[in-house]
N, C-alpha and C. Protein backbone atom coordinates (compact mmCIF):
# COMPACT_ATOMS: atom_id res chain seq x y z
N MET A 1 113.20 -38.57 282.61
CA MET A 1 113.05 -40.17 282.38
C MET A 1 113.93 -40.84 281.51
N SER A 2 114.95 -41.06 282.52
CA SER A 2 115.67 -42.48 281.97
C SER A 2 115.19 -45.04 281.79
N ARG A 3 115.63 -44.77 280.75
CA ARG A 3 115.10 -46.65 280.26
C ARG A 3 116.33 -47.63 280.43
N LYS A 4 115.86 -48.30 280.69
CA LYS A 4 117.36 -49.43 280.70
C LYS A 4 116.73 -50.37 279.24
N ALA A 5 117.07 -51.15 278.45
CA ALA A 5 116.97 -52.10 277.43
C ALA A 5 117.27 -53.59 278.38
N HIS A 6 116.59 -54.86 278.11
CA HIS A 6 116.98 -55.94 278.36
C HIS A 6 116.86 -56.91 277.81
N ALA A 7 117.57 -57.03 277.52
CA ALA A 7 117.63 -58.72 276.21
C ALA A 7 118.34 -59.70 276.45
N ALA A 8 117.53 -61.14 277.29
CA ALA A 8 118.34 -62.43 276.86
C ALA A 8 118.52 -63.08 275.49
N ALA A 9 119.49 -63.38 275.37
CA ALA A 9 120.18 -64.91 274.64
C ALA A 9 119.03 -65.80 274.37
N GLY A 10 118.68 -65.49 273.05
CA GLY A 10 117.77 -66.48 272.32
C GLY A 10 115.78 -66.51 272.76
N ALA A 11 115.94 -64.96 273.08
CA ALA A 11 114.53 -64.66 273.34
C ALA A 11 114.82 -63.81 271.74
N VAL A 12 113.37 -64.69 271.32
CA VAL A 12 113.20 -63.36 270.65
C VAL A 12 112.00 -62.37 269.65
N ALA A 13 112.37 -61.65 269.36
CA ALA A 13 111.29 -60.01 269.03
C ALA A 13 111.08 -60.05 267.37
N VAL A 14 109.95 -60.21 267.74
CA VAL A 14 108.79 -59.99 266.07
C VAL A 14 109.47 -58.69 265.01
N GLY A 15 109.68 -57.72 265.92
CA GLY A 15 109.32 -56.08 265.39
C GLY A 15 110.39 -55.24 266.62
N PRO A 16 109.73 -54.22 266.17
CA PRO A 16 111.18 -52.99 266.30
C PRO A 16 111.10 -53.01 267.73
N TYR A 17 111.40 -53.90 268.92
CA TYR A 17 110.91 -53.46 269.93
C TYR A 17 112.15 -54.30 271.23
N SER A 18 112.44 -53.39 272.42
CA SER A 18 112.87 -54.40 273.39
C SER A 18 112.46 -55.65 273.99
N HIS A 19 113.05 -56.56 274.64
CA HIS A 19 112.36 -57.60 274.98
C HIS A 19 111.88 -56.84 276.46
N ALA A 20 112.44 -55.77 277.52
CA ALA A 20 111.71 -55.23 278.56
C ALA A 20 112.58 -53.75 278.75
N VAL A 21 111.80 -52.92 279.25
CA VAL A 21 113.19 -51.68 279.47
C VAL A 21 112.00 -51.98 281.16
N GLU A 22 113.42 -51.04 282.05
CA GLU A 22 112.88 -51.04 283.19
C GLU A 22 113.27 -49.19 283.14
N ALA A 23 111.86 -48.35 284.08
CA ALA A 23 112.29 -47.30 284.56
C ALA A 23 111.47 -47.46 285.18
N ASN A 24 112.11 -46.68 286.43
CA ASN A 24 111.92 -46.00 287.62
C ASN A 24 110.90 -47.37 288.87
N GLY A 25 112.32 -48.50 288.44
CA GLY A 25 112.24 -49.70 289.64
C GLY A 25 111.32 -50.55 288.80
N PHE A 26 110.07 -50.40 287.73
CA PHE A 26 110.32 -51.22 287.15
C PHE A 26 110.27 -52.19 285.52
N VAL A 27 110.65 -53.06 285.87
CA VAL A 27 111.14 -53.81 284.76
C VAL A 27 109.74 -54.14 283.50
N HIS A 28 109.66 -53.73 282.46
CA HIS A 28 108.36 -53.77 281.77
C HIS A 28 108.85 -55.35 280.72
N LEU A 29 108.00 -56.56 281.27
CA LEU A 29 108.45 -57.50 279.86
C LEU A 29 107.85 -57.53 278.36
N SER A 30 108.00 -56.93 277.55
CA SER A 30 107.21 -56.88 275.88
C SER A 30 106.52 -58.88 276.10
N GLY A 31 105.52 -58.69 275.33
CA GLY A 31 104.30 -59.79 275.01
C GLY A 31 105.62 -60.47 274.73
N GLN A 32 105.15 -62.43 274.55
CA GLN A 32 106.28 -63.02 274.36
C GLN A 32 105.54 -63.72 273.89
N THR A 33 105.38 -64.69 272.71
CA THR A 33 104.36 -65.51 272.21
C THR A 33 105.68 -67.72 272.58
N PRO A 34 104.54 -68.41 272.44
CA PRO A 34 105.65 -69.34 272.43
C PRO A 34 106.65 -69.88 271.00
N ILE A 35 107.52 -69.17 270.80
CA ILE A 35 108.81 -69.28 270.20
C ILE A 35 109.49 -70.33 270.73
N ASP A 36 110.13 -71.70 270.55
CA ASP A 36 111.26 -72.22 271.16
C ASP A 36 112.50 -71.21 270.13
N PRO A 37 113.10 -70.89 271.46
CA PRO A 37 114.79 -70.19 270.93
C PRO A 37 115.26 -71.02 270.68
N ALA A 38 115.45 -72.67 270.07
CA ALA A 38 116.74 -73.44 269.84
C ALA A 38 116.30 -73.50 268.13
N THR A 39 115.14 -73.28 267.71
CA THR A 39 114.70 -73.59 266.64
C THR A 39 113.70 -72.43 265.59
N GLY A 40 113.20 -71.17 266.74
CA GLY A 40 112.63 -70.30 265.87
C GLY A 40 111.37 -70.35 265.59
N ARG A 41 111.14 -71.32 265.96
CA ARG A 41 109.39 -71.71 264.94
C ARG A 41 108.40 -71.68 266.70
N LEU A 42 107.22 -71.66 266.48
CA LEU A 42 106.15 -71.85 267.92
C LEU A 42 105.91 -73.31 267.96
N VAL A 43 106.24 -73.71 269.34
CA VAL A 43 106.05 -74.65 270.21
C VAL A 43 105.32 -75.67 269.21
N ASP A 44 104.67 -76.60 269.55
CA ASP A 44 104.18 -78.37 268.97
C ASP A 44 103.00 -77.96 270.60
N GLY A 45 101.87 -78.02 270.63
CA GLY A 45 101.60 -78.57 271.66
C GLY A 45 100.33 -78.19 271.98
N ASP A 46 99.53 -77.80 272.98
CA ASP A 46 98.01 -77.71 273.17
C ASP A 46 98.41 -76.09 274.28
N VAL A 47 97.85 -75.32 274.24
CA VAL A 47 97.85 -74.31 274.80
C VAL A 47 98.86 -74.12 276.67
N GLY A 48 98.23 -75.18 276.89
CA GLY A 48 99.25 -75.11 278.35
C GLY A 48 101.12 -75.64 278.05
N VAL A 49 101.24 -75.91 277.05
CA VAL A 49 102.54 -76.59 276.33
C VAL A 49 103.19 -75.02 276.18
N ALA A 50 102.20 -74.29 275.67
CA ALA A 50 102.57 -72.76 274.16
C ALA A 50 102.50 -71.87 275.71
N THR A 51 101.49 -71.52 276.91
CA THR A 51 101.69 -71.02 277.96
C THR A 51 103.37 -71.22 278.82
N THR A 52 103.69 -72.90 278.92
CA THR A 52 104.64 -72.71 279.68
C THR A 52 105.68 -72.24 278.69
N GLN A 53 105.93 -72.77 277.35
CA GLN A 53 106.82 -72.10 276.26
C GLN A 53 106.72 -69.89 276.90
N CYS A 54 105.52 -69.85 276.74
CA CYS A 54 105.39 -68.12 277.14
C CYS A 54 106.67 -67.31 277.99
N LEU A 55 106.06 -68.37 279.13
CA LEU A 55 107.25 -68.15 280.66
C LEU A 55 108.31 -68.34 280.96
N GLU A 56 109.03 -69.31 279.62
CA GLU A 56 109.86 -69.11 279.81
C GLU A 56 110.65 -68.99 279.33
N ASN A 57 109.83 -68.36 278.45
CA ASN A 57 110.65 -66.80 277.67
C ASN A 57 110.93 -65.49 278.23
N LEU A 58 109.33 -65.67 279.35
CA LEU A 58 109.26 -64.05 280.00
C LEU A 58 110.98 -64.76 280.78
N PHE A 59 110.92 -65.34 281.61
CA PHE A 59 111.69 -65.37 282.65
C PHE A 59 112.94 -65.98 282.49
N ALA A 60 113.27 -66.07 281.03
CA ALA A 60 115.08 -66.01 280.42
C ALA A 60 114.79 -63.38 280.09
N VAL A 61 113.64 -63.78 279.57
CA VAL A 61 114.08 -62.20 280.17
C VAL A 61 114.00 -61.60 281.59
N LEU A 62 113.59 -62.35 282.36
CA LEU A 62 113.95 -61.58 283.89
C LEU A 62 114.81 -61.72 284.15
N ALA A 63 115.81 -63.05 284.13
CA ALA A 63 117.27 -63.29 284.32
C ALA A 63 117.92 -62.30 283.85
N ALA A 64 117.93 -62.03 282.74
CA ALA A 64 118.84 -61.41 282.15
C ALA A 64 119.11 -59.68 282.47
N ALA A 65 117.80 -59.03 283.10
CA ALA A 65 117.74 -58.23 283.52
C ALA A 65 118.06 -58.09 285.56
N GLY A 66 118.37 -59.99 286.08
CA GLY A 66 119.22 -60.16 287.20
C GLY A 66 117.58 -60.01 288.18
N LEU A 67 116.63 -61.04 287.35
CA LEU A 67 115.13 -61.01 288.41
C LEU A 67 114.57 -62.36 288.18
N GLY A 68 114.01 -62.73 288.72
CA GLY A 68 113.18 -64.21 289.12
C GLY A 68 111.25 -63.77 288.52
N PRO A 69 110.70 -65.02 288.98
CA PRO A 69 109.33 -64.66 288.88
C PRO A 69 108.92 -64.51 289.92
N ASP A 70 109.35 -64.83 291.39
CA ASP A 70 109.12 -63.57 292.34
C ASP A 70 108.87 -62.34 292.38
N ASP A 71 109.70 -62.00 291.18
CA ASP A 71 108.97 -60.19 290.65
C ASP A 71 108.43 -59.56 290.13
N VAL A 72 108.10 -60.96 289.56
CA VAL A 72 106.93 -60.16 288.69
C VAL A 72 104.97 -59.58 289.46
N VAL A 73 104.54 -58.75 289.75
CA VAL A 73 103.91 -58.52 289.90
C VAL A 73 102.55 -57.61 289.03
N SER A 74 102.42 -58.36 288.14
CA SER A 74 101.02 -58.22 287.52
C SER A 74 101.15 -59.05 285.67
N CYS A 75 100.45 -59.48 285.13
CA CYS A 75 100.63 -60.48 283.81
C CYS A 75 99.79 -59.91 282.51
N ALA A 76 99.37 -60.02 282.05
CA ALA A 76 98.75 -59.58 280.43
C ALA A 76 98.48 -60.94 279.76
N VAL A 77 98.01 -61.45 280.28
CA VAL A 77 97.53 -63.38 279.43
C VAL A 77 96.56 -62.95 278.02
N TYR A 78 96.87 -62.74 276.45
CA TYR A 78 96.25 -62.93 275.50
C TYR A 78 96.01 -63.91 274.60
N LEU A 79 94.72 -64.35 274.51
CA LEU A 79 94.28 -65.88 273.74
C LEU A 79 93.80 -65.87 273.09
N THR A 80 93.62 -66.09 272.30
CA THR A 80 92.61 -66.48 270.36
C THR A 80 91.16 -67.62 271.16
N ASP A 81 91.32 -67.91 271.61
CA ASP A 81 90.23 -68.63 271.84
C ASP A 81 90.40 -68.69 274.07
N MET A 82 89.16 -68.60 273.77
CA MET A 82 88.40 -68.79 275.63
C MET A 82 88.64 -69.45 276.33
N ALA A 83 88.40 -71.30 274.67
CA ALA A 83 88.69 -71.74 275.60
C ALA A 83 89.29 -72.42 276.69
N ASP A 84 90.49 -72.01 275.97
CA ASP A 84 91.71 -72.18 276.13
C ASP A 84 91.90 -71.95 277.56
N PHE A 85 90.91 -71.26 278.42
CA PHE A 85 91.12 -70.64 279.72
C PHE A 85 91.98 -71.65 280.73
N PRO A 86 91.43 -72.61 281.12
CA PRO A 86 91.60 -73.91 281.64
C PRO A 86 93.04 -74.33 281.59
N ALA A 87 93.41 -74.82 279.95
CA ALA A 87 95.27 -75.36 280.19
C ALA A 87 95.83 -74.10 280.26
N MET A 88 95.41 -73.01 279.92
CA MET A 88 96.75 -71.54 280.39
C MET A 88 96.41 -71.62 282.10
N ASN A 89 95.50 -71.26 282.32
CA ASN A 89 95.54 -71.27 284.05
C ASN A 89 95.84 -72.23 284.66
N ALA A 90 95.99 -73.13 283.98
CA ALA A 90 96.83 -74.72 285.16
C ALA A 90 98.38 -74.33 284.48
N ALA A 91 99.04 -74.33 283.08
CA ALA A 91 100.29 -73.66 283.05
C ALA A 91 100.76 -72.73 283.82
N TYR A 92 99.84 -71.70 283.83
CA TYR A 92 99.91 -70.33 284.46
C TYR A 92 100.18 -70.73 286.32
N ALA A 93 99.40 -71.02 286.35
CA ALA A 93 99.25 -72.26 288.30
C ALA A 93 100.81 -72.23 288.75
N ARG A 94 101.63 -73.53 287.68
CA ARG A 94 102.31 -74.21 287.85
C ARG A 94 103.83 -73.04 288.13
N ALA A 95 103.61 -72.33 287.32
CA ALA A 95 104.79 -71.43 287.27
C ALA A 95 105.12 -69.72 288.57
N PHE A 96 104.52 -70.06 288.65
CA PHE A 96 103.99 -69.35 289.80
C PHE A 96 104.47 -69.40 291.00
N ALA A 97 104.70 -69.24 292.72
CA ALA A 97 104.05 -69.19 293.60
C ALA A 97 102.99 -67.69 294.56
N GLU A 98 102.44 -68.29 295.50
CA GLU A 98 101.30 -67.85 295.76
C GLU A 98 102.37 -67.21 296.74
N PRO A 99 102.15 -64.94 296.63
CA PRO A 99 100.88 -64.73 296.37
C PRO A 99 100.96 -64.81 294.74
N TYR A 100 100.26 -64.87 294.24
CA TYR A 100 100.50 -64.61 292.86
C TYR A 100 100.65 -63.35 292.42
N PRO A 101 100.69 -63.05 291.23
CA PRO A 101 100.58 -62.19 290.20
C PRO A 101 100.10 -61.50 289.95
N ALA A 102 99.18 -59.82 289.60
CA ALA A 102 97.94 -59.31 289.55
C ALA A 102 97.73 -60.31 288.06
N ARG A 103 96.46 -60.21 287.43
CA ARG A 103 96.65 -60.97 285.70
C ARG A 103 95.18 -60.48 285.29
N THR A 104 95.29 -60.36 284.11
CA THR A 104 94.38 -59.66 283.38
C THR A 104 94.47 -60.59 282.14
N THR A 105 93.56 -61.49 281.52
CA THR A 105 93.15 -62.20 279.98
C THR A 105 92.65 -62.03 279.46
N ILE A 106 92.87 -61.19 278.44
CA ILE A 106 91.48 -61.01 276.60
C ILE A 106 92.12 -61.76 275.74
N GLY A 107 90.26 -61.99 275.34
CA GLY A 107 90.73 -62.68 274.88
C GLY A 107 90.87 -61.51 273.29
N VAL A 108 91.73 -62.11 272.28
CA VAL A 108 92.01 -61.58 270.95
C VAL A 108 91.37 -61.68 269.87
N ALA A 109 91.05 -61.32 269.09
CA ALA A 109 91.01 -62.08 267.05
C ALA A 109 92.49 -63.20 266.85
N ALA A 110 92.91 -62.08 267.12
CA ALA A 110 94.19 -63.27 266.32
C ALA A 110 96.10 -62.52 267.17
N LEU A 111 97.06 -62.92 267.22
CA LEU A 111 98.29 -62.67 267.72
C LEU A 111 99.22 -62.99 266.76
N PRO A 112 100.25 -62.44 266.88
CA PRO A 112 101.85 -62.59 265.97
C PRO A 112 101.83 -64.02 265.73
N LEU A 113 102.49 -64.36 264.02
CA LEU A 113 103.05 -65.48 264.15
C LEU A 113 101.86 -66.46 263.72
N GLY A 114 100.86 -66.33 264.43
CA GLY A 114 99.65 -67.18 263.96
C GLY A 114 99.40 -67.94 265.67
N ALA A 115 100.29 -67.43 266.95
CA ALA A 115 100.28 -67.69 268.18
C ALA A 115 99.55 -67.54 268.67
N ARG A 116 98.31 -68.84 270.02
CA ARG A 116 97.04 -68.67 270.39
C ARG A 116 97.50 -68.18 271.83
N VAL A 117 98.41 -67.89 271.98
CA VAL A 117 98.69 -67.58 273.45
C VAL A 117 99.74 -66.63 273.28
N GLU A 118 99.71 -65.22 274.11
CA GLU A 118 101.64 -64.23 273.96
C GLU A 118 100.82 -62.97 275.80
N ILE A 119 102.41 -63.70 275.66
CA ILE A 119 102.19 -63.16 277.84
C ILE A 119 102.75 -62.30 277.86
N GLY A 120 102.66 -60.93 279.16
CA GLY A 120 103.85 -60.03 278.61
C GLY A 120 103.38 -59.63 280.28
N LEU A 121 104.76 -58.83 280.74
CA LEU A 121 105.01 -58.79 282.34
C LEU A 121 105.22 -57.90 283.40
N ILE A 122 105.11 -57.82 283.85
CA ILE A 122 106.29 -56.45 285.21
C ILE A 122 106.30 -55.97 285.79
N ALA A 123 108.11 -56.49 286.35
CA ALA A 123 108.23 -56.85 287.44
C ALA A 123 109.13 -55.75 287.83
N ALA A 124 109.30 -55.58 289.81
CA ALA A 124 109.10 -54.92 290.41
C ALA A 124 110.72 -55.49 290.99
N ARG A 125 112.25 -54.56 290.48
CA ARG A 125 113.25 -54.59 291.59
C ARG A 125 113.21 -53.85 292.75
N PRO A 126 113.12 -55.47 292.94
CA PRO A 126 113.94 -54.93 294.88
C PRO A 126 114.23 -53.88 295.21
N PRO A 127 114.09 -53.59 296.42
CA PRO A 127 114.73 -52.37 297.04
C PRO A 127 115.89 -52.67 297.59
N ARG A 128 117.44 -51.43 297.27
CA ARG A 128 118.46 -52.31 298.15
C ARG A 128 118.27 -52.07 298.92
N ALA A 129 118.93 -52.70 300.09
CA ALA A 129 119.20 -52.54 301.62
C ALA A 129 120.12 -51.12 301.79
N VAL A 130 120.24 -50.20 302.99
CA VAL A 130 120.91 -49.66 303.15
C VAL A 130 122.00 -50.32 304.08
């Protein structure tokens, strides 16, 4: 199996991984924390603001792969405090259109850089017209 890496200008990687890897028609995006690409620091604000920044970072990587939010089929959301679920959920609902991607939300003890939320996703490349 071959795989193709995608990266977005301004997207931050805090380890040895690709922003996204495409294989077999699916683009798997590594988790993004709410890092402001202009400053390289976590955004200030509540989890709603942080969720929006995570998704903006992910959508920049999607765009670099020639895809958009409507191509997302699955998301994994990691929260350090499940009490933040309503704020995350509201920001998430604003970022996607129905039918929404499948989603799993997991409570975790800690995230890189002290982030309160991290989101990863999988997108599907539309079939090519023949």
